[in-house]
Amino acid sequence: MISPSQVESMIKASIPDAQVQIQDLTGGGDHYQVVVVSSAFDGKGLVQQHQLVYKAVRQAMSTEAIHALSLKTYTPEAWAVAQQVS
């Protein structure tokens, strides 16, 4: 089990400008939905963006502290567009 703030800290340690939104999907502290917005994703494809985030939480995933991670990533520009649509 890992807290949402720990997940956020891991992501921000690896992607310093990341804006992170975390939702604990089951209340058990091991199934999360994460939205990450960062300029580090500029010029990268979706797979590369997700790889950056997975790299940040690799240790928690490998020890199964995080059992499942649903991930959405955006550049700041894409996030601004997504916010206008929703």
PDB file of N, CA and C in Angstrom:
ATOM      1  N   MET A   1       0.844  -1.181   0.000  1.00  0.00           N
ATOM      2  CA  MET A   1       0.000   0.000   0.000  1.00  0.00           C
ATOM      3  C   MET A   1       0.888   1.242   0.000  1.00  0.00           C
ATOM      4  N   ILE A   2       0.449   2.212  -0.753  1.00  0.00           N
ATOM      5  CA  ILE A   2       1.219   3.448  -0.872  1.00  0.00           C
ATOM      6  C   ILE A   2       0.218   4.598  -0.935  1.00  0.00           C
ATOM      7  N   SER A   3       0.574   5.720  -0.343  1.00  0.00           N
ATOM      8  CA  SER A   3      -0.366   6.843  -0.292  1.00  0.00           C
ATOM      9  C   SER A   3      -0.324   7.642  -1.594  1.00  0.00           C
ATOM     10  N   PRO A   4      -1.421   8.324  -1.901  1.00  0.00           N
ATOM     11  CA  PRO A   4      -1.411   9.181  -3.088  1.00  0.00           C
ATOM     12  C   PRO A   4      -0.294  10.226  -3.041  1.00  0.00           C
ATOM     13  N   SER A   5      -0.006  10.766  -1.871  1.00  0.00           N
ATOM     14  CA  SER A   5       1.059  11.775  -1.792  1.00  0.00           C
ATOM     15  C   SER A   5       2.428  11.162  -2.084  1.00  0.00           C
ATOM     16  N   GLN A   6       2.620   9.893  -1.728  1.00  0.00           N
ATOM     17  CA  GLN A   6       3.885   9.223  -2.059  1.00  0.00           C
ATOM     18  C   GLN A   6       4.007   9.016  -3.565  1.00  0.00           C
ATOM     19  N   VAL A   7       2.905   8.653  -4.204  1.00  0.00           N
ATOM     20  CA  VAL A   7       2.925   8.482  -5.665  1.00  0.00           C
ATOM     21  C   VAL A   7       3.250   9.819  -6.320  1.00  0.00           C
ATOM     22  N   GLU A   8       2.601  10.876  -5.848  1.00  0.00           N
ATOM     23  CA  GLU A   8       2.857  12.206  -6.399  1.00  0.00           C
ATOM     24  C   GLU A   8       4.322  12.603  -6.205  1.00  0.00           C
ATOM     25  N   SER A   9       4.875  12.325  -5.035  1.00  0.00           N
ATOM     26  CA  SER A   9       6.283  12.668  -4.767  1.00  0.00           C
ATOM     27  C   SER A   9       7.232  11.928  -5.701  1.00  0.00           C
ATOM     28  N   MET A  10       6.941  10.661  -5.951  1.00  0.00           N
ATOM     29  CA  MET A  10       7.804   9.880  -6.843  1.00  0.00           C
ATOM     30  C   MET A  10       7.780  10.467  -8.252  1.00  0.00           C
ATOM     31  N   ILE A  11       6.587  10.824  -8.709  1.00  0.00           N
ATOM     32  CA  ILE A  11       6.470  11.376 -10.060  1.00  0.00           C
ATOM     33  C   ILE A  11       7.162  12.725 -10.141  1.00  0.00           C
ATOM     34  N   LYS A  12       6.968  13.575  -9.145  1.00  0.00           N
ATOM     35  CA  LYS A  12       7.583  14.905  -9.162  1.00  0.00           C
ATOM     36  C   LYS A  12       9.099  14.838  -8.997  1.00  0.00           C
ATOM     37  N   ALA A  13       9.603  13.811  -8.315  1.00  0.00           N
ATOM     38  CA  ALA A  13      11.051  13.649  -8.190  1.00  0.00           C
ATOM     39  C   ALA A  13      11.685  13.350  -9.545  1.00  0.00           C
ATOM     40  N   SER A  14      10.938  12.659 -10.388  1.00  0.00           N
ATOM     41  CA  SER A  14      11.456  12.281 -11.700  1.00  0.00           C
ATOM     42  C   SER A  14      11.091  13.298 -12.782  1.00  0.00           C
ATOM     43  N   ILE A  15       9.931  13.944 -12.620  1.00  0.00           N
ATOM     44  CA  ILE A  15       9.447  14.937 -13.586  1.00  0.00           C
ATOM     45  C   ILE A  15       9.113  16.195 -12.787  1.00  0.00           C
ATOM     46  N   PRO A  16      10.104  17.031 -12.527  1.00  0.00           N
ATOM     47  CA  PRO A  16       9.944  18.135 -11.567  1.00  0.00           C
ATOM     48  C   PRO A  16       8.806  19.112 -11.855  1.00  0.00           C
ATOM     49  N   ASP A  17       8.487  19.358 -13.129  1.00  0.00           N
ATOM     50  CA  ASP A  17       7.425  20.336 -13.399  1.00  0.00           C
ATOM     51  C   ASP A  17       6.041  19.691 -13.502  1.00  0.00           C
ATOM     52  N   ALA A  18       5.948  18.425 -13.154  1.00  0.00           N
ATOM     53  CA  ALA A  18       4.689  17.703 -13.318  1.00  0.00           C
ATOM     54  C   ALA A  18       3.590  18.250 -12.415  1.00  0.00           C
ATOM     55  N   GLN A  19       2.408  18.393 -13.015  1.00  0.00           N
ATOM     56  CA  GLN A  19       1.190  18.615 -12.250  1.00  0.00           C
ATOM     57  C   GLN A  19       0.523  17.248 -12.185  1.00  0.00           C
ATOM     58  N   VAL A  20       0.222  16.794 -10.985  1.00  0.00           N
ATOM     59  CA  VAL A  20      -0.237  15.422 -10.805  1.00  0.00           C
ATOM     60  C   VAL A  20      -1.592  15.412 -10.096  1.00  0.00           C
ATOM     61  N   GLN A  21      -2.527  14.678 -10.675  1.00  0.00           N
ATOM     62  CA  GLN A  21      -3.817  14.430 -10.040  1.00  0.00           C
ATOM     63  C   GLN A  21      -3.922  12.927  -9.826  1.00  0.00           C
ATOM     64  N   ILE A  22      -4.252  12.538  -8.608  1.00  0.00           N
ATOM     65  CA  ILE A  22      -4.296  11.111  -8.286  1.00  0.00           C
ATOM     66  C   ILE A  22      -5.644  10.763  -7.669  1.00  0.00           C
ATOM     67  N   GLN A  23      -6.184   9.645  -8.131  1.00  0.00           N
ATOM     68  CA  GLN A  23      -7.422   9.133  -7.557  1.00  0.00           C
ATOM     69  C   GLN A  23      -7.185   7.682  -7.161  1.00  0.00           C
ATOM     70  N   ASP A  24      -7.474   7.373  -5.902  1.00  0.00           N
ATOM     71  CA  ASP A  24      -7.388   5.994  -5.420  1.00  0.00           C
ATOM     72  C   ASP A  24      -8.676   5.299  -5.842  1.00  0.00           C
ATOM     73  N   LEU A  25      -8.592   4.388  -6.798  1.00  0.00           N
ATOM     74  CA  LEU A  25      -9.778   3.808  -7.411  1.00  0.00           C
ATOM     75  C   LEU A  25     -10.537   2.849  -6.508  1.00  0.00           C
ATOM     76  N   THR A  26      -9.850   2.213  -5.568  1.00  0.00           N
ATOM     77  CA  THR A  26     -10.522   1.217  -4.734  1.00  0.00           C
ATOM     78  C   THR A  26     -10.531   1.574  -3.256  1.00  0.00           C
ATOM     79  N   GLY A  27      -9.767   2.589  -2.880  1.00  0.00           N
ATOM     80  CA  GLY A  27      -9.650   2.939  -1.467  1.00  0.00           C
ATOM     81  C   GLY A  27      -8.629   2.087  -0.741  1.00  0.00           C
ATOM     82  N   GLY A  28      -7.998   1.170  -1.450  1.00  0.00           N
ATOM     83  CA  GLY A  28      -7.032   0.267  -0.839  1.00  0.00           C
ATOM     84  C   GLY A  28      -5.592   0.724  -0.937  1.00  0.00           C
ATOM     85  N   GLY A  29      -5.352   1.822  -1.654  1.00  0.00           N
ATOM     86  CA  GLY A  29      -4.001   2.349  -1.751  1.00  0.00           C
ATOM     87  C   GLY A  29      -3.098   1.601  -2.705  1.00  0.00           C
ATOM     88  N   ASP A  30      -3.682   0.830  -3.608  1.00  0.00           N
ATOM     89  CA  ASP A  30      -2.819   0.141  -4.570  1.00  0.00           C
ATOM     90  C   ASP A  30      -3.347   0.157  -6.007  1.00  0.00           C
ATOM     91  N   HIS A  31      -4.512   0.767  -6.228  1.00  0.00           N
ATOM     92  CA  HIS A  31      -5.072   0.923  -7.570  1.00  0.00           C
ATOM     93  C   HIS A  31      -5.323   2.415  -7.785  1.00  0.00           C
ATOM     94  N   TYR A  32      -4.526   3.002  -8.656  1.00  0.00           N
ATOM     95  CA  TYR A  32      -4.612   4.453  -8.838  1.00  0.00           C
ATOM     96  C   TYR A  32      -4.908   4.833 -10.277  1.00  0.00           C
ATOM     97  N   GLN A  33      -5.601   5.950 -10.397  1.00  0.00           N
ATOM     98  CA  GLN A  33      -5.730   6.634 -11.684  1.00  0.00           C
ATOM     99  C   GLN A  33      -4.960   7.935 -11.545  1.00  0.00           C
ATOM    100  N   VAL A  34      -4.026   8.163 -12.457  1.00  0.00           N
ATOM    101  CA  VAL A  34      -3.141   9.315 -12.360  1.00  0.00           C
ATOM    102  C   VAL A  34      -3.192  10.121 -13.650  1.00  0.00           C
ATOM    103  N   VAL A  35      -3.323  11.425 -13.493  1.00  0.00           N
ATOM    104  CA  VAL A  35      -3.217  12.357 -14.606  1.00  0.00           C
ATOM    105  C   VAL A  35      -1.956  13.179 -14.372  1.00  0.00           C
ATOM    106  N   VAL A  36      -1.071  13.198 -15.369  1.00  0.00           N
ATOM    107  CA  VAL A  36       0.187  13.943 -15.253  1.00  0.00           C
ATOM    108  C   VAL A  36       0.282  14.928 -16.419  1.00  0.00           C
ATOM    109  N   VAL A  37       0.523  16.178 -16.084  1.00  0.00           N
ATOM    110  CA  VAL A  37       0.713  17.230 -17.086  1.00  0.00           C
ATOM    111  C   VAL A  37       2.134  17.746 -16.929  1.00  0.00           C
ATOM    112  N   SER A  38       2.894  17.740 -18.029  1.00  0.00           N
ATOM    113  CA  SER A  38       4.282  18.195 -17.939  1.00  0.00           C
ATOM    114  C   SER A  38       4.817  18.624 -19.302  1.00  0.00           C
ATOM    115  N   SER A  39       5.650  19.628 -19.279  1.00  0.00           N
ATOM    116  CA  SER A  39       6.340  20.032 -20.504  1.00  0.00           C
ATOM    117  C   SER A  39       7.395  19.003 -20.902  1.00  0.00           C
ATOM    118  N   ALA A  40       7.744  18.098 -19.989  1.00  0.00           N
ATOM    119  CA  ALA A  40       8.690  17.021 -20.319  1.00  0.00           C
ATOM    120  C   ALA A  40       8.120  16.098 -21.394  1.00  0.00           C
ATOM    121  N   PHE A  41       6.810  16.163 -21.613  1.00  0.00           N
ATOM    122  CA  PHE A  41       6.179  15.310 -22.616  1.00  0.00           C
ATOM    123  C   PHE A  41       6.186  15.938 -24.008  1.00  0.00           C
ATOM    124  N   ASP A  42       6.602  17.201 -24.092  1.00  0.00           N
ATOM    125  CA  ASP A  42       6.636  17.877 -25.394  1.00  0.00           C
ATOM    126  C   ASP A  42       7.473  17.073 -26.388  1.00  0.00           C
ATOM    127  N   GLY A  43       6.921  16.847 -27.567  1.00  0.00           N
ATOM    128  CA  GLY A  43       7.654  16.159 -28.622  1.00  0.00           C
ATOM    129  C   GLY A  43       7.722  14.656 -28.468  1.00  0.00           C
ATOM    130  N   LYS A  44       7.092  14.128 -27.425  1.00  0.00           N
ATOM    131  CA  LYS A  44       7.125  12.682 -27.193  1.00  0.00           C
ATOM    132  C   LYS A  44       5.767  12.074 -27.520  1.00  0.00           C
ATOM    133  N   GLY A  45       5.800  10.846 -27.987  1.00  0.00           N
ATOM    134  CA  GLY A  45       4.568  10.114 -28.236  1.00  0.00           C
ATOM    135  C   GLY A  45       3.966   9.652 -26.918  1.00  0.00           C
ATOM    136  N   LEU A  46       2.733   9.170 -26.996  1.00  0.00           N
ATOM    137  CA  LEU A  46       2.019   8.740 -25.797  1.00  0.00           C
ATOM    138  C   LEU A  46       2.760   7.627 -25.051  1.00  0.00           C
ATOM    139  N   VAL A  47       3.306   6.677 -25.778  1.00  0.00           N
ATOM    140  CA  VAL A  47       4.037   5.580 -25.138  1.00  0.00           C
ATOM    141  C   VAL A  47       5.252   6.122 -24.391  1.00  0.00           C
ATOM    142  N   GLN A  48       5.983   7.035 -25.012  1.00  0.00           N
ATOM    143  CA  GLN A  48       7.160   7.615 -24.359  1.00  0.00           C
ATOM    144  C   GLN A  48       6.753   8.422 -23.121  1.00  0.00           C
ATOM    145  N   GLN A  49       5.634   9.124 -23.201  1.00  0.00           N
ATOM    146  CA  GLN A  49       5.146   9.874 -22.044  1.00  0.00           C
ATOM    147  C   GLN A  49       4.842   8.916 -20.892  1.00  0.00           C
ATOM    148  N   HIS A  50       4.153   7.828 -21.202  1.00  0.00           N
ATOM    149  CA  HIS A  50       3.795   6.864 -20.162  1.00  0.00           C
ATOM    150  C   HIS A  50       5.036   6.190 -19.599  1.00  0.00           C
ATOM    151  N   GLN A  51       6.023   5.941 -20.461  1.00  0.00           N
ATOM    152  CA  GLN A  51       7.263   5.326 -19.983  1.00  0.00           C
ATOM    153  C   GLN A  51       7.966   6.216 -18.963  1.00  0.00           C
ATOM    154  N   LEU A  52       7.914   7.538 -19.164  1.00  0.00           N
ATOM    155  CA  LEU A  52       8.521   8.455 -18.198  1.00  0.00           C
ATOM    156  C   LEU A  52       7.852   8.324 -16.831  1.00  0.00           C
ATOM    157  N   VAL A  53       6.534   8.221 -16.838  1.00  0.00           N
ATOM    158  CA  VAL A  53       5.813   8.116 -15.561  1.00  0.00           C
ATOM    159  C   VAL A  53       6.056   6.746 -14.927  1.00  0.00           C
ATOM    160  N   TYR A  54       5.982   5.695 -15.737  1.00  0.00           N
ATOM    161  CA  TYR A  54       6.227   4.354 -15.190  1.00  0.00           C
ATOM    162  C   TYR A  54       7.643   4.244 -14.619  1.00  0.00           C
ATOM    163  N   LYS A  55       8.590   4.901 -15.250  1.00  0.00           N
ATOM    164  CA  LYS A  55       9.960   4.900 -14.730  1.00  0.00           C
ATOM    165  C   LYS A  55       9.992   5.545 -13.342  1.00  0.00           C
ATOM    166  N   ALA A  56       9.193   6.590 -13.163  1.00  0.00           N
ATOM    167  CA  ALA A  56       9.172   7.295 -11.878  1.00  0.00           C
ATOM    168  C   ALA A  56       8.614   6.428 -10.753  1.00  0.00           C
ATOM    169  N   VAL A  57       7.684   5.538 -11.079  1.00  0.00           N
ATOM    170  CA  VAL A  57       7.045   4.713 -10.046  1.00  0.00           C
ATOM    171  C   VAL A  57       7.479   3.248 -10.138  1.00  0.00           C
ATOM    172  N   ARG A  58       8.545   3.013 -10.852  1.00  0.00           N
ATOM    173  CA  ARG A  58       8.992   1.642 -11.112  1.00  0.00           C
ATOM    174  C   ARG A  58       9.145   0.817  -9.837  1.00  0.00           C
ATOM    175  N   GLN A  59       9.792   1.395  -8.836  1.00  0.00           N
ATOM    176  CA  GLN A  59      10.041   0.621  -7.612  1.00  0.00           C
ATOM    177  C   GLN A  59       8.727   0.213  -6.945  1.00  0.00           C
ATOM    178  N   ALA A  60       7.782   1.145  -6.873  1.00  0.00           N
ATOM    179  CA  ALA A  60       6.488   0.831  -6.253  1.00  0.00           C
ATOM    180  C   ALA A  60       5.725  -0.207  -7.066  1.00  0.00           C
ATOM    181  N   MET A  61       5.868  -0.178  -8.388  1.00  0.00           N
ATOM    182  CA  MET A  61       5.201  -1.167  -9.234  1.00  0.00           C
ATOM    183  C   MET A  61       5.874  -2.539  -9.077  1.00  0.00           C
ATOM    184  N   SER A  62       7.195  -2.554  -8.990  1.00  0.00           N
ATOM    185  CA  SER A  62       7.909  -3.835  -8.923  1.00  0.00           C
ATOM    186  C   SER A  62       7.689  -4.543  -7.588  1.00  0.00           C
ATOM    187  N   THR A  63       7.429  -3.780  -6.536  1.00  0.00           N
ATOM    188  CA  THR A  63       7.167  -4.396  -5.230  1.00  0.00           C
ATOM    189  C   THR A  63       5.677  -4.615  -5.010  1.00  0.00           C
ATOM    190  N   GLU A  64       4.877  -4.254  -6.007  1.00  0.00           N
ATOM    191  CA  GLU A  64       3.423  -4.365  -5.967  1.00  0.00           C
ATOM    192  C   GLU A  64       2.792  -3.473  -4.902  1.00  0.00           C
ATOM    193  N   ALA A  65       3.528  -2.448  -4.450  1.00  0.00           N
ATOM    194  CA  ALA A  65       2.912  -1.426  -3.603  1.00  0.00           C
ATOM    195  C   ALA A  65       1.819  -0.743  -4.417  1.00  0.00           C
ATOM    196  N   ILE A  66       2.082  -0.578  -5.719  1.00  0.00           N
ATOM    197  CA  ILE A  66       1.056  -0.162  -6.668  1.00  0.00           C
ATOM    198  C   ILE A  66       0.745  -1.383  -7.516  1.00  0.00           C
ATOM    199  N   HIS A  67      -0.491  -1.840  -7.415  1.00  0.00           N
ATOM    200  CA  HIS A  67      -0.889  -3.035  -8.167  1.00  0.00           C
ATOM    201  C   HIS A  67      -1.375  -2.665  -9.564  1.00  0.00           C
ATOM    202  N   ALA A  68      -2.080  -1.536  -9.676  1.00  0.00           N
ATOM    203  CA  ALA A  68      -2.614  -1.119 -10.967  1.00  0.00           C
ATOM    204  C   ALA A  68      -2.527   0.389 -11.079  1.00  0.00           C
ATOM    205  N   LEU A  69      -2.170   0.851 -12.266  1.00  0.00           N
ATOM    206  CA  LEU A  69      -2.022   2.281 -12.507  1.00  0.00           C
ATOM    207  C   LEU A  69      -2.670   2.625 -13.837  1.00  0.00           C
ATOM    208  N   SER A  70      -3.752   3.378 -13.775  1.00  0.00           N
ATOM    209  CA  SER A  70      -4.382   3.911 -14.979  1.00  0.00           C
ATOM    210  C   SER A  70      -3.786   5.291 -15.195  1.00  0.00           C
ATOM    211  N   LEU A  71      -3.282   5.529 -16.385  1.00  0.00           N
ATOM    212  CA  LEU A  71      -2.461   6.712 -16.609  1.00  0.00           C
ATOM    213  C   LEU A  71      -2.950   7.532 -17.784  1.00  0.00           C
ATOM    214  N   LYS A  72      -3.030   8.844 -17.565  1.00  0.00           N
ATOM    215  CA  LYS A  72      -3.289   9.800 -18.641  1.00  0.00           C
ATOM    216  C   LYS A  72      -2.206  10.858 -18.550  1.00  0.00           C
ATOM    217  N   THR A  73      -1.600  11.152 -19.692  1.00  0.00           N
ATOM    218  CA  THR A  73      -0.541  12.161 -19.718  1.00  0.00           C
ATOM    219  C   THR A  73      -0.868  13.231 -20.746  1.00  0.00           C
ATOM    220  N   TYR A  74      -0.466  14.445 -20.428  1.00  0.00           N
ATOM    221  CA  TYR A  74      -0.724  15.579 -21.308  1.00  0.00           C
ATOM    222  C   TYR A  74       0.458  16.538 -21.273  1.00  0.00           C
ATOM    223  N   THR A  75       0.727  17.161 -22.405  1.00  0.00           N
ATOM    224  CA  THR A  75       1.576  18.347 -22.385  1.00  0.00           C
ATOM    225  C   THR A  75       0.702  19.484 -21.856  1.00  0.00           C
ATOM    226  N   PRO A  76       1.289  20.569 -21.397  1.00  0.00           N
ATOM    227  CA  PRO A  76       0.466  21.689 -20.919  1.00  0.00           C
ATOM    228  C   PRO A  76      -0.507  22.191 -21.986  1.00  0.00           C
ATOM    229  N   GLU A  77      -0.085  22.207 -23.236  1.00  0.00           N
ATOM    230  CA  GLU A  77      -0.956  22.660 -24.315  1.00  0.00           C
ATOM    231  C   GLU A  77      -2.119  21.686 -24.533  1.00  0.00           C
ATOM    232  N   ALA A  78      -1.830  20.403 -24.543  1.00  0.00           N
ATOM    233  CA  ALA A  78      -2.881  19.398 -24.717  1.00  0.00           C
ATOM    234  C   ALA A  78      -3.845  19.410 -23.529  1.00  0.00           C
ATOM    235  N   TRP A  79      -3.322  19.674 -22.339  1.00  0.00           N
ATOM    236  CA  TRP A  79      -4.160  19.744 -21.142  1.00  0.00           C
ATOM    237  C   TRP A  79      -5.121  20.933 -21.244  1.00  0.00           C
ATOM    238  N   ALA A  80      -4.619  22.062 -21.740  1.00  0.00           N
ATOM    239  CA  ALA A  80      -5.473  23.244 -21.899  1.00  0.00           C
ATOM    240  C   ALA A  80      -6.611  22.950 -22.869  1.00  0.00           C
ATOM    241  N   VAL A  81      -6.307  22.253 -23.950  1.00  0.00           N
ATOM    242  CA  VAL A  81      -7.339  21.883 -24.916  1.00  0.00           C
ATOM    243  C   VAL A  81      -8.330  20.907 -24.280  1.00  0.00           C
ATOM    244  N   ALA A  82      -7.832  19.924 -23.552  1.00  0.00           N
ATOM    245  CA  ALA A  82      -8.706  18.934 -22.914  1.00  0.00           C
ATOM    246  C   ALA A  82      -9.643  19.598 -21.916  1.00  0.00           C
ATOM    247  N   GLN A  83      -9.168  20.618 -21.227  1.00  0.00           N
ATOM    248  CA  GLN A  83     -10.007  21.307 -20.251  1.00  0.00           C
ATOM    249  C   GLN A  83     -11.109  22.104 -20.931  1.00  0.00           C
ATOM    250  N   GLN A  84     -10.850  22.612 -22.139  1.00  0.00           N
ATOM    251  CA  GLN A  84     -11.866  23.369 -22.869  1.00  0.00           C
ATOM    252  C   GLN A  84     -12.964  22.448 -23.378  1.00  0.00           C
ATOM    253  N   VAL A  85     -12.601  21.218 -23.732  1.00  0.00           N
ATOM    254  CA  VAL A  85     -13.547  20.256 -24.277  1.00  0.00           C
ATOM    255  C   VAL A  85     -14.468  19.718 -23.180  1.00  0.00           C
ATOM    256  N   SER A  86     -13.910  19.496 -21.990  1.00  0.00           N
ATOM    257  CA  SER A  86     -14.721  18.903 -20.916  1.00  0.00           C
ATOM    258  C   SER A  86     -15.499  19.931 -20.132  1.00  0.00           C
TER     259      SER A  86
END
